[in-house]
Amino acid sequence: MLAIPGILWPASFLLSFLVSLRGLTHDAVLLDYWQGAFAPFPPLSGADVRWFIDSFLGIFSDPVGLTLVGIAAVAALVGLVEFSSKHFARFVLLLTPLVATLAASALHRYPFRGRLLLFLVPSLILLIAAGLERIHTQTSETLPYFSFLLIGLLFLNPLLDAGSGLIRPRTKEEIKPVVRYVENHRQDGDVLYLYYAALRPFQYYSARHLIAPMDEITGVESRQNWVSYRKELDQLRGKKRVWILFSHIYRGAGVDEERIFLDHLDTLGTRLDSSRAPGASVYLYDLDSQNH
């Protein structure tokens, strides 16, 4: 019976590769988007080493969805040691996909970031659980509640996020009304800043002439380093009218990127106008430093 899935799985992969994946390694847009997600190998500088550290910590935030990534990383490392010493075969099974993905990333064949690593989540959760169990065993007599505190800290924000999603579930994202709002209220010389995840849906409607061409700036994705967002927004200083367009906003692991942007923009200038739709929003700011 194992022969059936053994045949179907590679056949399914081959068909998927031939139909949709074959040309992706040559797609300039995708390569540019994921350029920071390929492992620098061999690591020849401090920045290269930093990439591995940031990427290791980053996977516990996205895609695992934990906020206190330091605790999660330590627990996972303890779990890794635990598996390697007591269950070596399982240790190899858990580690092999991670090593293979890093190898593919080093060859610029697979980005090591975000949702593309979802398949690693079960392995990482098993490692975290094994590490927390080991910590509990070692501290149960001297610090009986320490491991429970760690578990509470790790999973508090995911529970709150899940509860928030249950009460106010995400339904749809309607960028079209806010794009039309910009078109109806724009003035000559206006600048449009696109939140990085809003680029593709905006291009869809722009190509269909819902909005006339204007001076556009596309933001970068920097979930692991919010300072990059602020530095990029700082470059908009001096512009009289700047529209900030959001869609597909990242709200995970206790983070709301729209809030991060708006909090900083409010320190740079004056909010003049705004419009919202389900899953999308746009804000008009006066960032002319001469007026502030």
Protein backbone atom coordinates (compact mmCIF):
# COMPACT_ATOMS: atom_id res chain seq x y z
CA MET A 1 0.00 0.00 0.00
CA LEU A 2 2.92 2.35 0.60
CA ALA A 3 3.76 2.12 -3.09
CA ILE A 4 0.63 4.13 -3.97
CA PRO A 5 1.57 7.33 -2.07
CA GLY A 6 5.20 6.66 -3.01
CA ILE A 7 4.18 7.00 -6.68
CA LEU A 8 1.55 9.72 -6.28
CA TRP A 9 3.73 12.15 -4.28
CA PRO A 10 6.61 12.44 -6.78
CA ALA A 11 4.13 12.43 -9.67
CA SER A 12 2.22 15.30 -8.06
CA PHE A 13 5.42 17.24 -7.47
CA LEU A 14 6.60 16.68 -11.05
CA LEU A 15 3.26 17.88 -12.46
CA SER A 16 3.28 20.94 -10.19
CA PHE A 17 6.86 21.72 -11.20
CA LEU A 18 6.14 21.46 -14.91
CA VAL A 19 2.93 23.50 -14.75
CA SER A 20 3.76 26.33 -12.34
CA LEU A 21 7.14 26.11 -10.62
CA ARG A 22 9.60 25.62 -13.46
CA GLY A 23 9.92 29.27 -14.41
CA LEU A 24 9.94 30.79 -10.92
CA THR A 25 13.72 30.64 -10.51
CA HIS A 26 13.99 33.05 -13.46
CA ASP A 27 11.20 35.44 -12.43
CA ALA A 28 12.93 38.79 -11.86
CA VAL A 29 10.08 40.20 -9.75
CA LEU A 30 10.06 37.22 -7.39
CA LEU A 31 13.85 37.13 -7.16
CA ASP A 32 13.89 40.81 -6.26
CA TYR A 33 11.13 40.35 -3.67
CA TRP A 34 12.90 37.42 -1.97
CA GLN A 35 16.48 38.68 -2.43
CA GLY A 36 17.10 38.90 1.32
CA ALA A 37 15.76 35.40 1.96
CA PHE A 38 18.59 33.41 0.38
CA ALA A 39 21.26 32.06 2.71
CA PRO A 40 24.71 33.61 2.18
CA PHE A 41 26.98 30.60 1.86
CA PRO A 42 29.69 30.38 2.82
CA PRO A 43 29.23 33.16 5.40
CA LEU A 44 32.20 35.45 4.83
CA SER A 45 31.25 38.49 6.90
CA GLY A 46 29.59 39.53 10.10
CA ALA A 47 26.49 40.45 8.11
CA ASP A 48 26.36 36.91 6.68
CA VAL A 49 26.56 35.38 10.15
CA ARG A 50 23.90 37.83 11.31
CA TRP A 51 21.61 36.59 8.51
CA PHE A 52 21.67 33.07 9.96
CA ILE A 53 21.00 34.33 13.49
CA ASP A 54 18.14 36.60 12.37
CA SER A 55 16.64 33.88 10.18
CA PHE A 56 16.81 31.31 12.98
CA LEU A 57 15.08 33.65 15.41
CA GLY A 58 12.71 34.90 12.72
CA ILE A 59 11.13 31.52 12.00
CA PHE A 60 9.72 31.41 15.54
CA SER A 61 7.90 34.67 14.82
CA ASP A 62 6.89 33.89 11.23
CA PRO A 63 5.66 31.28 10.45
CA VAL A 64 5.42 29.73 13.97
CA GLY A 65 3.63 32.81 15.30
CA LEU A 66 5.35 33.30 18.67
CA THR A 67 6.30 36.71 20.06
CA LEU A 68 9.07 35.93 22.55
CA VAL A 69 11.36 34.35 19.99
CA GLY A 70 14.33 34.21 22.36
CA ILE A 71 12.51 31.86 24.74
CA ALA A 72 11.23 29.80 21.81
CA ALA A 73 14.72 29.53 20.29
CA VAL A 74 16.32 28.43 23.58
CA ALA A 75 13.56 25.86 24.15
CA ALA A 76 14.01 24.54 20.59
CA LEU A 77 17.77 24.21 21.05
CA VAL A 78 17.28 22.34 24.33
CA GLY A 79 14.78 20.10 22.52
CA LEU A 80 17.29 19.53 19.74
CA VAL A 81 19.88 18.33 22.25
CA GLU A 82 17.25 16.16 23.93
CA PHE A 83 16.29 14.45 20.66
CA SER A 84 19.89 14.01 19.55
CA SER A 85 20.84 12.23 22.78
CA LYS A 86 17.74 10.08 23.28
CA HIS A 87 15.97 9.72 19.92
CA PHE A 88 18.64 10.08 17.24
CA ALA A 89 16.48 8.74 14.41
CA ARG A 90 13.77 11.29 15.23
CA PHE A 91 16.44 13.95 15.55
CA VAL A 92 17.54 13.26 11.97
CA LEU A 93 13.94 13.25 10.72
CA LEU A 94 13.25 16.62 12.36
CA LEU A 95 16.50 18.24 11.26
CA THR A 96 16.71 16.99 7.67
CA PRO A 97 13.96 19.25 6.21
CA LEU A 98 15.55 22.30 7.86
CA VAL A 99 19.02 21.49 6.51
CA ALA A 100 17.64 20.69 3.05
CA THR A 101 15.72 23.98 2.94
CA LEU A 102 18.81 25.95 3.98
CA ALA A 103 20.81 24.18 1.27
CA ALA A 104 18.18 25.07 -1.34
CA SER A 105 18.24 28.66 -0.05
CA ALA A 106 22.04 28.83 -0.35
CA LEU A 107 21.67 27.68 -3.97
CA HIS A 108 19.08 30.47 -4.56
CA ARG A 109 16.42 27.87 -5.29
CA TYR A 110 14.13 28.40 -2.29
CA PRO A 111 13.64 31.49 -0.07
CA PHE A 112 14.12 30.84 3.64
CA ARG A 113 11.42 33.08 5.07
CA GLY A 114 7.84 33.40 6.23
CA ARG A 115 4.99 31.37 4.82
CA LEU A 116 7.34 29.35 2.62
CA LEU A 117 8.55 27.66 5.82
CA LEU A 118 5.12 26.58 7.07
CA PHE A 119 6.02 22.93 6.57
CA LEU A 120 8.73 23.31 9.26
CA VAL A 121 6.26 24.45 11.94
CA PRO A 122 5.32 20.94 13.24
CA SER A 123 9.01 20.06 13.67
CA LEU A 124 9.75 23.34 15.44
CA ILE A 125 6.79 22.94 17.80
CA LEU A 126 7.94 19.42 18.64
CA LEU A 127 11.42 20.74 19.43
CA ILE A 128 10.01 23.55 21.59
CA ALA A 129 7.77 21.09 23.43
CA ALA A 130 10.66 18.69 24.04
CA GLY A 131 12.80 21.57 25.28
CA LEU A 132 10.12 22.84 27.65
CA GLU A 133 9.63 19.31 28.98
CA ARG A 134 13.36 19.03 29.63
CA ILE A 135 13.42 22.43 31.36
CA HIS A 136 10.44 21.36 33.50
CA THR A 137 12.22 18.16 34.53
CA GLN A 138 15.39 20.04 35.48
CA THR A 139 13.65 22.84 37.41
CA SER A 140 10.58 21.12 38.90
CA GLU A 141 12.15 20.78 42.36
CA THR A 142 14.00 24.08 42.70
CA LEU A 143 11.70 26.27 40.55
CA PRO A 144 8.39 24.37 40.33
CA TYR A 145 6.51 27.06 38.39
CA PHE A 146 9.31 28.23 36.10
CA SER A 147 8.40 26.03 33.12
CA PHE A 148 4.73 26.95 33.42
CA LEU A 149 5.71 30.63 33.37
CA LEU A 150 7.70 30.04 30.16
CA ILE A 151 4.76 28.27 28.53
CA GLY A 152 2.42 31.08 29.54
CA LEU A 153 4.74 33.76 28.16
CA LEU A 154 5.26 31.87 24.91
CA PHE A 155 1.64 31.21 24.09
CA LEU A 156 -0.14 34.23 25.60
CA ASN A 157 0.01 36.39 22.46
CA PRO A 158 -0.94 33.57 20.05
CA LEU A 159 -3.97 32.86 22.25
CA LEU A 160 -4.92 36.54 22.27
CA ASP A 161 -4.47 36.73 18.48
CA ALA A 162 -6.61 33.64 17.99
CA GLY A 163 -9.29 35.07 20.29
CA SER A 164 -9.24 38.37 18.42
CA GLY A 165 -9.59 36.53 15.10
CA LEU A 166 -12.53 34.58 16.49
CA ILE A 167 -14.32 37.73 17.62
CA ARG A 168 -13.42 39.82 14.57
CA PRO A 169 -12.52 37.38 11.79
CA ARG A 170 -10.80 38.59 8.65
CA THR A 171 -13.30 38.24 5.81
CA LYS A 172 -12.12 40.01 2.68
CA GLU A 173 -9.78 42.72 1.49
CA GLU A 174 -11.27 45.50 -0.60
CA ILE A 175 -8.50 47.70 -1.93
CA LYS A 176 -10.60 48.91 -4.86
CA PRO A 177 -12.65 51.52 -2.91
CA VAL A 178 -9.58 53.11 -1.34
CA VAL A 179 -7.76 53.26 -4.70
CA ARG A 180 -10.80 55.00 -6.15
CA TYR A 181 -10.81 57.35 -3.15
CA VAL A 182 -7.23 58.40 -3.92
CA GLU A 183 -8.11 58.97 -7.56
CA ASN A 184 -11.10 61.15 -6.63
CA HIS A 185 -9.24 63.26 -4.05
CA ARG A 186 -5.70 63.51 -5.40
CA GLN A 187 -4.01 66.76 -6.41
CA ASP A 188 -1.15 67.53 -8.75
CA GLY A 189 2.17 66.63 -7.15
CA ASP A 190 0.74 64.06 -4.75
CA VAL A 191 2.93 61.07 -3.84
CA LEU A 192 1.57 57.55 -3.28
CA TYR A 193 3.45 55.28 -0.86
CA LEU A 194 2.45 51.61 -1.20
CA TYR A 195 2.77 49.32 1.79
CA TYR A 196 4.77 46.38 0.40
CA ALA A 197 1.88 43.89 0.51
CA ALA A 198 -0.44 46.34 -1.30
CA LEU A 199 1.72 46.45 -4.44
CA ARG A 200 0.24 43.53 -6.38
CA PRO A 201 -3.47 44.34 -5.80
CA PHE A 202 -2.76 48.00 -6.55
CA GLN A 203 -1.03 47.06 -9.82
CA TYR A 204 -4.08 44.99 -10.76
CA TYR A 205 -6.40 48.00 -10.57
CA SER A 206 -3.83 50.42 -11.92
CA ALA A 207 -3.49 48.28 -15.05
CA ARG A 208 -7.28 48.56 -15.43
CA HIS A 209 -7.07 52.37 -15.27
CA LEU A 210 -8.91 52.74 -11.97
CA ILE A 211 -6.27 55.31 -11.07
CA ALA A 212 -4.14 57.52 -13.30
CA PRO A 213 -0.34 57.30 -13.04
CA MET A 214 1.25 59.26 -10.19
CA ASP A 215 4.52 59.40 -8.30
CA GLU A 216 4.63 56.01 -6.55
CA ILE A 217 6.98 54.59 -3.91
CA THR A 218 6.84 50.91 -2.92
CA GLY A 219 7.82 50.03 0.61
CA VAL A 220 10.08 47.21 1.71
CA GLU A 221 9.10 44.18 3.79
CA SER A 222 11.05 44.23 7.05
CA ARG A 223 9.09 42.31 9.67
CA GLN A 224 12.22 41.41 11.59
CA ASN A 225 13.55 44.98 11.74
CA TRP A 226 10.96 47.71 12.24
CA VAL A 227 13.68 50.37 12.20
CA SER A 228 13.85 49.90 8.42
CA TYR A 229 10.21 50.97 8.15
CA ARG A 230 10.89 54.17 10.08
CA LYS A 231 14.02 54.97 8.05
CA GLU A 232 12.07 54.55 4.82
CA LEU A 233 9.22 56.77 6.02
CA ASP A 234 11.76 59.38 7.13
CA GLN A 235 12.77 59.75 3.48
CA LEU A 236 9.28 61.12 2.75
CA ARG A 237 9.97 64.24 4.83
CA GLY A 238 9.45 67.45 2.94
CA LYS A 239 6.65 66.14 0.74
CA LYS A 240 3.48 68.19 1.01
CA ARG A 241 0.90 65.48 0.28
CA VAL A 242 1.67 61.78 0.64
CA TRP A 243 -0.94 59.02 0.41
CA ILE A 244 -0.07 55.87 2.41
CA LEU A 245 -1.96 52.87 1.01
CA PHE A 246 -2.37 49.66 3.04
CA SER A 247 -3.73 46.25 2.09
CA HIS A 248 -3.04 42.70 3.28
CA ILE A 249 -1.63 44.18 6.48
CA TYR A 250 0.55 41.94 8.61
CA ARG A 251 -1.00 41.46 12.04
CA GLY A 252 0.64 38.53 13.72
CA ALA A 253 2.74 37.59 16.75
CA GLY A 254 1.39 40.63 18.59
CA VAL A 255 2.37 43.01 15.77
CA ASP A 256 0.18 45.40 13.77
CA GLU A 257 2.32 46.87 11.01
CA GLU A 258 -0.27 49.48 10.05
CA ARG A 259 -0.15 50.80 13.62
CA ILE A 260 3.67 50.89 13.50
CA PHE A 261 3.57 52.97 10.31
CA LEU A 262 0.86 55.36 11.50
CA ASP A 263 2.45 55.96 14.90
CA HIS A 264 5.67 57.03 13.21
CA LEU A 265 3.93 59.07 10.50
CA ASP A 266 2.03 60.98 13.18
CA THR A 267 5.39 62.12 14.57
CA LEU A 268 6.58 63.24 11.12
CA GLY A 269 3.62 65.28 9.97
CA THR A 270 -0.11 65.94 9.99
CA ARG A 271 -2.79 63.50 8.95
CA LEU A 272 -5.09 65.31 6.51
CA ASP A 273 -7.50 62.65 5.34
CA SER A 274 -8.22 58.92 5.42
CA SER A 275 -10.50 56.28 3.98
CA ARG A 276 -11.06 52.68 5.03
CA ALA A 277 -12.58 49.57 3.52
CA PRO A 278 -12.58 45.94 4.73
CA GLY A 279 -8.94 44.86 4.80
CA ALA A 280 -7.57 48.06 3.22
CA SER A 281 -7.02 51.70 4.10
CA VAL A 282 -5.39 54.89 2.86
CA TYR A 283 -4.13 57.95 4.74
CA LEU A 284 -3.11 61.37 3.46
CA TYR A 285 -0.25 63.09 5.29
CA ASP A 286 1.38 66.47 5.08
CA LEU A 287 5.06 65.71 5.71
CA ASP A 288 6.46 69.09 4.76
CA SER A 289 8.98 69.71 7.53
CA GLN A 290 8.68 73.47 7.05
CA ASN A 291 5.21 73.30 8.53
CA HIS A 292 6.13 71.27 11.64
